[in-house]
């Protein structure tokens, strides 16, 4: 009788370890990427909060600054 109870308790303990809790963070409102930073590390000529300015700077950076194929001699 005691052996059955211990086996039952061990199996219940093993099954509860298999359960997974929900991994929600709640409500987190991230700012948009083009909303900008309030420090000195932003690109010159870029206006914080202006989406078209942000897109133009990303396009220019991708084309000229970060594209190894266009920089190769």
PDB file of N, CA and C in Angstrom:
ATOM      1  N   UNK A   1       0.819  -1.184   0.000  1.00  0.00           N
ATOM      2  CA  UNK A   1       0.000   0.000   0.000  1.00  0.00           C
ATOM      3  C   UNK A   1       0.869   1.257   0.000  1.00  0.00           C
ATOM      4  N   UNK A   2       1.888   1.274   0.844  1.00  0.00           N
ATOM      5  CA  UNK A   2       2.770   2.423   0.948  1.00  0.00           C
ATOM      6  C   UNK A   2       3.580   2.607  -0.339  1.00  0.00           C
ATOM      7  N   UNK A   3       3.909   1.508  -0.985  1.00  0.00           N
ATOM      8  CA  UNK A   3       4.672   1.565  -2.224  1.00  0.00           C
ATOM      9  C   UNK A   3       3.816   2.177  -3.339  1.00  0.00           C
ATOM     10  N   UNK A   4       2.541   1.872  -3.380  1.00  0.00           N
ATOM     11  CA  UNK A   4       1.649   2.431  -4.392  1.00  0.00           C
ATOM     12  C   UNK A   4       1.476   3.938  -4.205  1.00  0.00           C
ATOM     13  N   UNK A   5       1.394   4.351  -2.965  1.00  0.00           N
ATOM     14  CA  UNK A   5       1.232   5.779  -2.692  1.00  0.00           C
ATOM     15  C   UNK A   5       2.496   6.541  -3.093  1.00  0.00           C
ATOM     16  N   UNK A   6       3.661   5.974  -2.805  1.00  0.00           N
ATOM     17  CA  UNK A   6       4.906   6.645  -3.170  1.00  0.00           C
ATOM     18  C   UNK A   6       5.076   6.699  -4.692  1.00  0.00           C
ATOM     19  N   UNK A   7       4.674   5.632  -5.378  1.00  0.00           N
ATOM     20  CA  UNK A   7       4.742   5.634  -6.847  1.00  0.00           C
ATOM     21  C   UNK A   7       3.766   6.662  -7.410  1.00  0.00           C
ATOM     22  N   UNK A   8       2.597   6.752  -6.838  1.00  0.00           N
ATOM     23  CA  UNK A   8       1.609   7.727  -7.276  1.00  0.00           C
ATOM     24  C   UNK A   8       2.114   9.157  -7.053  1.00  0.00           C
ATOM     25  N   UNK A   9       2.711   9.425  -5.908  1.00  0.00           N
ATOM     26  CA  UNK A   9       3.236  10.753  -5.630  1.00  0.00           C
ATOM     27  C   UNK A   9       4.405  11.114  -6.554  1.00  0.00           C
ATOM     28  N   UNK A  10       5.258  10.144  -6.835  1.00  0.00           N
ATOM     29  CA  UNK A  10       6.371  10.390  -7.752  1.00  0.00           C
ATOM     30  C   UNK A  10       5.882  10.661  -9.170  1.00  0.00           C
ATOM     31  N   UNK A  11       4.871   9.936  -9.598  1.00  0.00           N
ATOM     32  CA  UNK A  11       4.348  10.152 -10.949  1.00  0.00           C
ATOM     33  C   UNK A  11       3.649  11.503 -11.051  1.00  0.00           C
ATOM     34  N   UNK A  12       2.940  11.907 -10.001  1.00  0.00           N
ATOM     35  CA  UNK A  12       2.303  13.231 -10.003  1.00  0.00           C
ATOM     36  C   UNK A  12       3.362  14.321 -10.021  1.00  0.00           C
ATOM     37  N   UNK A  13       4.419  14.148  -9.255  1.00  0.00           N
ATOM     38  CA  UNK A  13       5.498  15.134  -9.235  1.00  0.00           C
ATOM     39  C   UNK A  13       6.196  15.215 -10.591  1.00  0.00           C
ATOM     40  N   UNK A  14       6.372  14.080 -11.241  1.00  0.00           N
ATOM     41  CA  UNK A  14       7.019  14.066 -12.552  1.00  0.00           C
ATOM     42  C   UNK A  14       6.139  14.735 -13.600  1.00  0.00           C
ATOM     43  N   UNK A  15       4.835  14.535 -13.517  1.00  0.00           N
ATOM     44  CA  UNK A  15       3.943  15.139 -14.496  1.00  0.00           C
ATOM     45  C   UNK A  15       3.786  16.646 -14.293  1.00  0.00           C
ATOM     46  N   UNK A  16       3.863  17.106 -13.078  1.00  0.00           N
ATOM     47  CA  UNK A  16       3.768  18.550 -12.858  1.00  0.00           C
ATOM     48  C   UNK A  16       5.020  19.269 -13.346  1.00  0.00           C
ATOM     49  N   UNK A  17       6.142  18.590 -13.399  1.00  0.00           N
ATOM     50  CA  UNK A  17       7.361  19.198 -13.921  1.00  0.00           C
ATOM     51  C   UNK A  17       7.290  19.368 -15.433  1.00  0.00           C
ATOM     52  N   UNK A  18       6.410  18.621 -16.091  1.00  0.00           N
ATOM     53  CA  UNK A  18       6.280  18.711 -17.540  1.00  0.00           C
ATOM     54  C   UNK A  18       5.388  19.869 -17.976  1.00  0.00           C
ATOM     55  N   UNK A  19       4.659  20.447 -17.079  1.00  0.00           N
ATOM     56  CA  UNK A  19       3.783  21.553 -17.440  1.00  0.00           C
ATOM     57  C   UNK A  19       4.567  22.794 -17.792  1.00  0.00           C
ATOM     58  N   UNK A  20       4.017  23.603 -18.694  1.00  0.00           N
ATOM     59  CA  UNK A  20       4.698  24.816 -19.108  1.00  0.00           C
ATOM     60  C   UNK A  20       3.802  26.010 -18.826  1.00  0.00           C
ATOM     61  N   UNK A  21       4.367  27.002 -18.212  1.00  0.00           N
ATOM     62  CA  UNK A  21       3.626  28.215 -17.914  1.00  0.00           C
ATOM     63  C   UNK A  21       3.617  29.117 -19.141  1.00  0.00           C
ATOM     64  N   UNK A  22       2.633  29.955 -19.220  1.00  0.00           N
ATOM     65  CA  UNK A  22       2.573  30.922 -20.312  1.00  0.00           C
ATOM     66  C   UNK A  22       3.710  31.924 -20.167  1.00  0.00           C
ATOM     67  N   UNK A  23       4.338  32.248 -21.278  1.00  0.00           N
ATOM     68  CA  UNK A  23       5.491  33.141 -21.259  1.00  0.00           C
ATOM     69  C   UNK A  23       5.145  34.493 -21.881  1.00  0.00           C
ATOM     70  N   UNK A  24       4.174  35.144 -21.319  1.00  0.00           N
ATOM     71  CA  UNK A  24       3.773  36.448 -21.823  1.00  0.00           C
ATOM     72  C   UNK A  24       4.445  37.539 -21.000  1.00  0.00           C
ATOM     73  N   UNK A  25       4.777  38.608 -21.665  1.00  0.00           N
ATOM     74  CA  UNK A  25       5.437  39.719 -20.996  1.00  0.00           C
ATOM     75  C   UNK A  25       4.455  40.784 -20.535  1.00  0.00           C
ATOM     76  N   UNK A  26       3.234  40.624 -20.905  1.00  0.00           N
ATOM     77  CA  UNK A  26       2.266  41.647 -20.557  1.00  0.00           C
ATOM     78  C   UNK A  26       2.129  42.628 -21.700  1.00  0.00           C
ATOM     79  N   UNK A  27       1.842  43.846 -21.383  1.00  0.00           N
ATOM     80  CA  UNK A  27       1.695  44.859 -22.426  1.00  0.00           C
ATOM     81  C   UNK A  27       2.935  45.732 -22.437  1.00  0.00           C
ATOM     82  N   UNK A  28       3.721  45.588 -23.477  1.00  0.00           N
ATOM     83  CA  UNK A  28       4.927  46.389 -23.634  1.00  0.00           C
ATOM     84  C   UNK A  28       4.787  47.180 -24.927  1.00  0.00           C
ATOM     85  N   UNK A  29       4.802  48.463 -24.821  1.00  0.00           N
ATOM     86  CA  UNK A  29       4.660  49.318 -25.983  1.00  0.00           C
ATOM     87  C   UNK A  29       6.028  49.842 -26.388  1.00  0.00           C
ATOM     88  N   UNK A  30       6.580  49.255 -27.438  1.00  0.00           N
ATOM     89  CA  UNK A  30       7.869  49.716 -27.938  1.00  0.00           C
ATOM     90  C   UNK A  30       7.673  50.936 -28.819  1.00  0.00           C
ATOM     91  N   UNK A  31       8.657  51.774 -28.825  1.00  0.00           N
ATOM     92  CA  UNK A  31       8.624  52.940 -29.692  1.00  0.00           C
ATOM     93  C   UNK A  31       9.032  52.519 -31.096  1.00  0.00           C
ATOM     94  N   UNK A  32       8.610  53.261 -32.079  1.00  0.00           N
ATOM     95  CA  UNK A  32       9.005  52.972 -33.453  1.00  0.00           C
ATOM     96  C   UNK A  32      10.486  53.283 -33.629  1.00  0.00           C
ATOM     97  N   UNK A  33      11.083  52.669 -34.624  1.00  0.00           N
ATOM     98  CA  UNK A  33      12.518  52.848 -34.844  1.00  0.00           C
ATOM     99  C   UNK A  33      12.852  54.272 -35.254  1.00  0.00           C
ATOM    100  N   UNK A  34      11.972  54.900 -35.979  1.00  0.00           N
ATOM    101  CA  UNK A  34      12.262  56.244 -36.459  1.00  0.00           C
ATOM    102  C   UNK A  34      11.936  57.333 -35.438  1.00  0.00           C
ATOM    103  N   UNK A  35      11.438  56.944 -34.259  1.00  0.00           N
ATOM    104  CA  UNK A  35      11.133  57.960 -33.252  1.00  0.00           C
ATOM    105  C   UNK A  35      12.400  58.580 -32.669  1.00  0.00           C
ATOM    106  N   UNK A  36      13.504  57.876 -32.761  1.00  0.00           N
ATOM    107  CA  UNK A  36      14.790  58.484 -32.464  1.00  0.00           C
ATOM    108  C   UNK A  36      15.279  58.350 -31.045  1.00  0.00           C
ATOM    109  N   UNK A  37      16.483  58.796 -30.880  1.00  0.00           N
ATOM    110  CA  UNK A  37      17.136  58.796 -29.575  1.00  0.00           C
ATOM    111  C   UNK A  37      17.414  60.239 -29.191  1.00  0.00           C
ATOM    112  N   UNK A  38      17.567  60.457 -27.933  1.00  0.00           N
ATOM    113  CA  UNK A  38      17.852  61.823 -27.476  1.00  0.00           C
ATOM    114  C   UNK A  38      19.295  61.910 -26.987  1.00  0.00           C
ATOM    115  N   UNK A  39      20.214  61.548 -27.867  1.00  0.00           N
ATOM    116  CA  UNK A  39      21.623  61.645 -27.514  1.00  0.00           C
ATOM    117  C   UNK A  39      22.424  62.103 -28.735  1.00  0.00           C
ATOM    118  N   UNK A  40      23.719  62.174 -28.587  1.00  0.00           N
ATOM    119  CA  UNK A  40      24.578  62.694 -29.650  1.00  0.00           C
ATOM    120  C   UNK A  40      24.992  61.626 -30.664  1.00  0.00           C
ATOM    121  N   UNK A  41      24.452  60.434 -30.570  1.00  0.00           N
ATOM    122  CA  UNK A  41      24.893  59.346 -31.438  1.00  0.00           C
ATOM    123  C   UNK A  41      23.975  59.120 -32.631  1.00  0.00           C
ATOM    124  N   UNK A  42      23.144  60.074 -32.962  1.00  0.00           N
ATOM    125  CA  UNK A  42      22.282  59.956 -34.136  1.00  0.00           C
ATOM    126  C   UNK A  42      23.010  60.510 -35.348  1.00  0.00           C
ATOM    127  N   UNK A  43      22.602  60.079 -36.527  1.00  0.00           N
ATOM    128  CA  UNK A  43      23.252  60.512 -37.758  1.00  0.00           C
ATOM    129  C   UNK A  43      22.952  61.983 -38.018  1.00  0.00           C
ATOM    130  N   UNK A  44      23.942  62.728 -38.482  1.00  0.00           N
ATOM    131  CA  UNK A  44      23.691  64.140 -38.789  1.00  0.00           C
ATOM    132  C   UNK A  44      22.751  64.265 -39.986  1.00  0.00           C
ATOM    133  N   UNK A  45      21.842  65.204 -39.907  1.00  0.00           N
ATOM    134  CA  UNK A  45      20.893  65.423 -40.984  1.00  0.00           C
ATOM    135  C   UNK A  45      19.605  64.642 -40.831  1.00  0.00           C
ATOM    136  N   UNK A  46      19.537  63.797 -39.842  1.00  0.00           N
ATOM    137  CA  UNK A  46      18.325  62.999 -39.621  1.00  0.00           C
ATOM    138  C   UNK A  46      17.466  63.676 -38.576  1.00  0.00           C
ATOM    139  N   UNK A  47      16.174  63.765 -38.881  1.00  0.00           N
ATOM    140  CA  UNK A  47      15.233  64.385 -37.970  1.00  0.00           C
ATOM    141  C   UNK A  47      14.514  63.293 -37.193  1.00  0.00           C
ATOM    142  N   UNK A  48      14.575  63.348 -35.882  1.00  0.00           N
ATOM    143  CA  UNK A  48      13.922  62.332 -35.058  1.00  0.00           C
ATOM    144  C   UNK A  48      12.412  62.426 -35.216  1.00  0.00           C
ATOM    145  N   UNK A  49      11.774  61.282 -35.457  1.00  0.00           N
ATOM    146  CA  UNK A  49      10.328  61.222 -35.614  1.00  0.00           C
ATOM    147  C   UNK A  49       9.871  61.321 -37.056  1.00  0.00           C
ATOM    148  N   UNK A  50      10.766  61.619 -37.990  1.00  0.00           N
ATOM    149  CA  UNK A  50      10.409  61.738 -39.399  1.00  0.00           C
ATOM    150  C   UNK A  50      10.673  60.408 -40.095  1.00  0.00           C
ATOM    151  N   UNK A  51       9.611  59.734 -40.490  1.00  0.00           N
ATOM    152  CA  UNK A  51       9.738  58.389 -41.067  1.00  0.00           C
ATOM    153  C   UNK A  51      10.438  58.420 -42.424  1.00  0.00           C
ATOM    154  N   UNK A  52      10.142  59.400 -43.264  1.00  0.00           N
ATOM    155  CA  UNK A  52      10.777  59.444 -44.578  1.00  0.00           C
ATOM    156  C   UNK A  52      12.268  59.733 -44.458  1.00  0.00           C
ATOM    157  N   UNK A  53      12.646  60.582 -43.532  1.00  0.00           N
ATOM    158  CA  UNK A  53      14.063  60.847 -43.303  1.00  0.00           C
ATOM    159  C   UNK A  53      14.774  59.590 -42.825  1.00  0.00           C
ATOM    160  N   UNK A  54      14.124  58.837 -41.952  1.00  0.00           N
ATOM    161  CA  UNK A  54      14.679  57.578 -41.454  1.00  0.00           C
ATOM    162  C   UNK A  54      14.891  56.584 -42.596  1.00  0.00           C
ATOM    163  N   UNK A  55      13.887  56.468 -43.462  1.00  0.00           N
ATOM    164  CA  UNK A  55      14.000  55.537 -44.590  1.00  0.00           C
ATOM    165  C   UNK A  55      15.089  55.954 -45.556  1.00  0.00           C
ATOM    166  N   UNK A  56      15.238  57.252 -45.802  1.00  0.00           N
ATOM    167  CA  UNK A  56      16.293  57.728 -46.700  1.00  0.00           C
ATOM    168  C   UNK A  56      17.678  57.445 -46.135  1.00  0.00           C
ATOM    169  N   UNK A  57      17.858  57.639 -44.841  1.00  0.00           N
ATOM    170  CA  UNK A  57      19.153  57.357 -44.233  1.00  0.00           C
ATOM    171  C   UNK A  57      19.453  55.860 -44.219  1.00  0.00           C
ATOM    172  N   UNK A  58      18.441  55.031 -43.994  1.00  0.00           N
ATOM    173  CA  UNK A  58      18.658  53.583 -44.063  1.00  0.00           C
ATOM    174  C   UNK A  58      19.026  53.144 -45.468  1.00  0.00           C
ATOM    175  N   UNK A  59      18.359  53.702 -46.457  1.00  0.00           N
ATOM    176  CA  UNK A  59      18.648  53.351 -47.842  1.00  0.00           C
ATOM    177  C   UNK A  59      20.068  53.769 -48.210  1.00  0.00           C
ATOM    178  N   UNK A  60      20.464  54.969 -47.802  1.00  0.00           N
ATOM    179  CA  UNK A  60      21.813  55.445 -48.106  1.00  0.00           C
ATOM    180  C   UNK A  60      22.867  54.623 -47.373  1.00  0.00           C
ATOM    181  N   UNK A  61      22.594  54.265 -46.142  1.00  0.00           N
ATOM    182  CA  UNK A  61      23.549  53.455 -45.380  1.00  0.00           C
ATOM    183  C   UNK A  61      23.692  52.066 -45.991  1.00  0.00           C
ATOM    184  N   UNK A  62      22.600  51.487 -46.411  1.00  0.00           N
ATOM    185  CA  UNK A  62      22.654  50.173 -47.034  1.00  0.00           C
ATOM    186  C   UNK A  62      23.348  50.184 -48.368  1.00  0.00           C
ATOM    187  N   UNK A  63      23.209  51.295 -49.104  1.00  0.00           N
ATOM    188  CA  UNK A  63      23.795  51.368 -50.436  1.00  0.00           C
ATOM    189  C   UNK A  63      25.273  51.739 -50.400  1.00  0.00           C
ATOM    190  N   UNK A  64      25.650  52.691 -49.554  1.00  0.00           N
ATOM    191  CA  UNK A  64      27.011  53.212 -49.603  1.00  0.00           C
ATOM    192  C   UNK A  64      27.882  52.799 -48.416  1.00  0.00           C
ATOM    193  N   UNK A  65      27.320  52.787 -47.234  1.00  0.00           N
ATOM    194  CA  UNK A  65      28.137  52.557 -46.057  1.00  0.00           C
ATOM    195  C   UNK A  65      28.323  51.100 -45.689  1.00  0.00           C
ATOM    196  N   UNK A  66      27.318  50.279 -45.888  1.00  0.00           N
ATOM    197  CA  UNK A  66      27.369  48.909 -45.397  1.00  0.00           C
ATOM    198  C   UNK A  66      27.386  47.864 -46.513  1.00  0.00           C
ATOM    199  N   UNK A  67      27.426  48.271 -47.752  1.00  0.00           N
ATOM    200  CA  UNK A  67      27.387  47.344 -48.877  1.00  0.00           C
ATOM    201  C   UNK A  67      28.807  47.061 -49.346  1.00  0.00           C
ATOM    202  N   UNK A  68      29.317  45.880 -49.078  1.00  0.00           N
ATOM    203  CA  UNK A  68      30.689  45.540 -49.451  1.00  0.00           C
ATOM    204  C   UNK A  68      30.849  45.376 -50.961  1.00  0.00           C
ATOM    205  N   UNK A  69      29.782  45.049 -51.662  1.00  0.00           N
ATOM    206  CA  UNK A  69      29.879  44.849 -53.105  1.00  0.00           C
ATOM    207  C   UNK A  69      30.101  46.178 -53.841  1.00  0.00           C
ATOM    208  N   UNK A  70      29.518  47.245 -53.341  1.00  0.00           N
ATOM    209  CA  UNK A  70      29.708  48.539 -54.004  1.00  0.00           C
ATOM    210  C   UNK A  70      31.032  49.182 -53.611  1.00  0.00           C
ATOM    211  N   UNK A  71      31.655  48.771 -52.508  1.00  0.00           N
ATOM    212  CA  UNK A  71      32.924  49.355 -52.073  1.00  0.00           C
ATOM    213  C   UNK A  71      34.131  48.628 -52.638  1.00  0.00           C
ATOM    214  N   UNK A  72      33.933  47.434 -53.165  1.00  0.00           N
ATOM    215  CA  UNK A  72      35.058  46.651 -53.675  1.00  0.00           C
ATOM    216  C   UNK A  72      35.618  47.296 -54.933  1.00  0.00           C
ATOM    217  N   UNK A  73      36.934  47.344 -55.084  1.00  0.00           N
ATOM    218  CA  UNK A  73      37.536  47.971 -56.275  1.00  0.00           C
ATOM    219  C   UNK A  73      37.368  47.141 -57.527  1.00  0.00           C
TER     220      UNK A  73
END
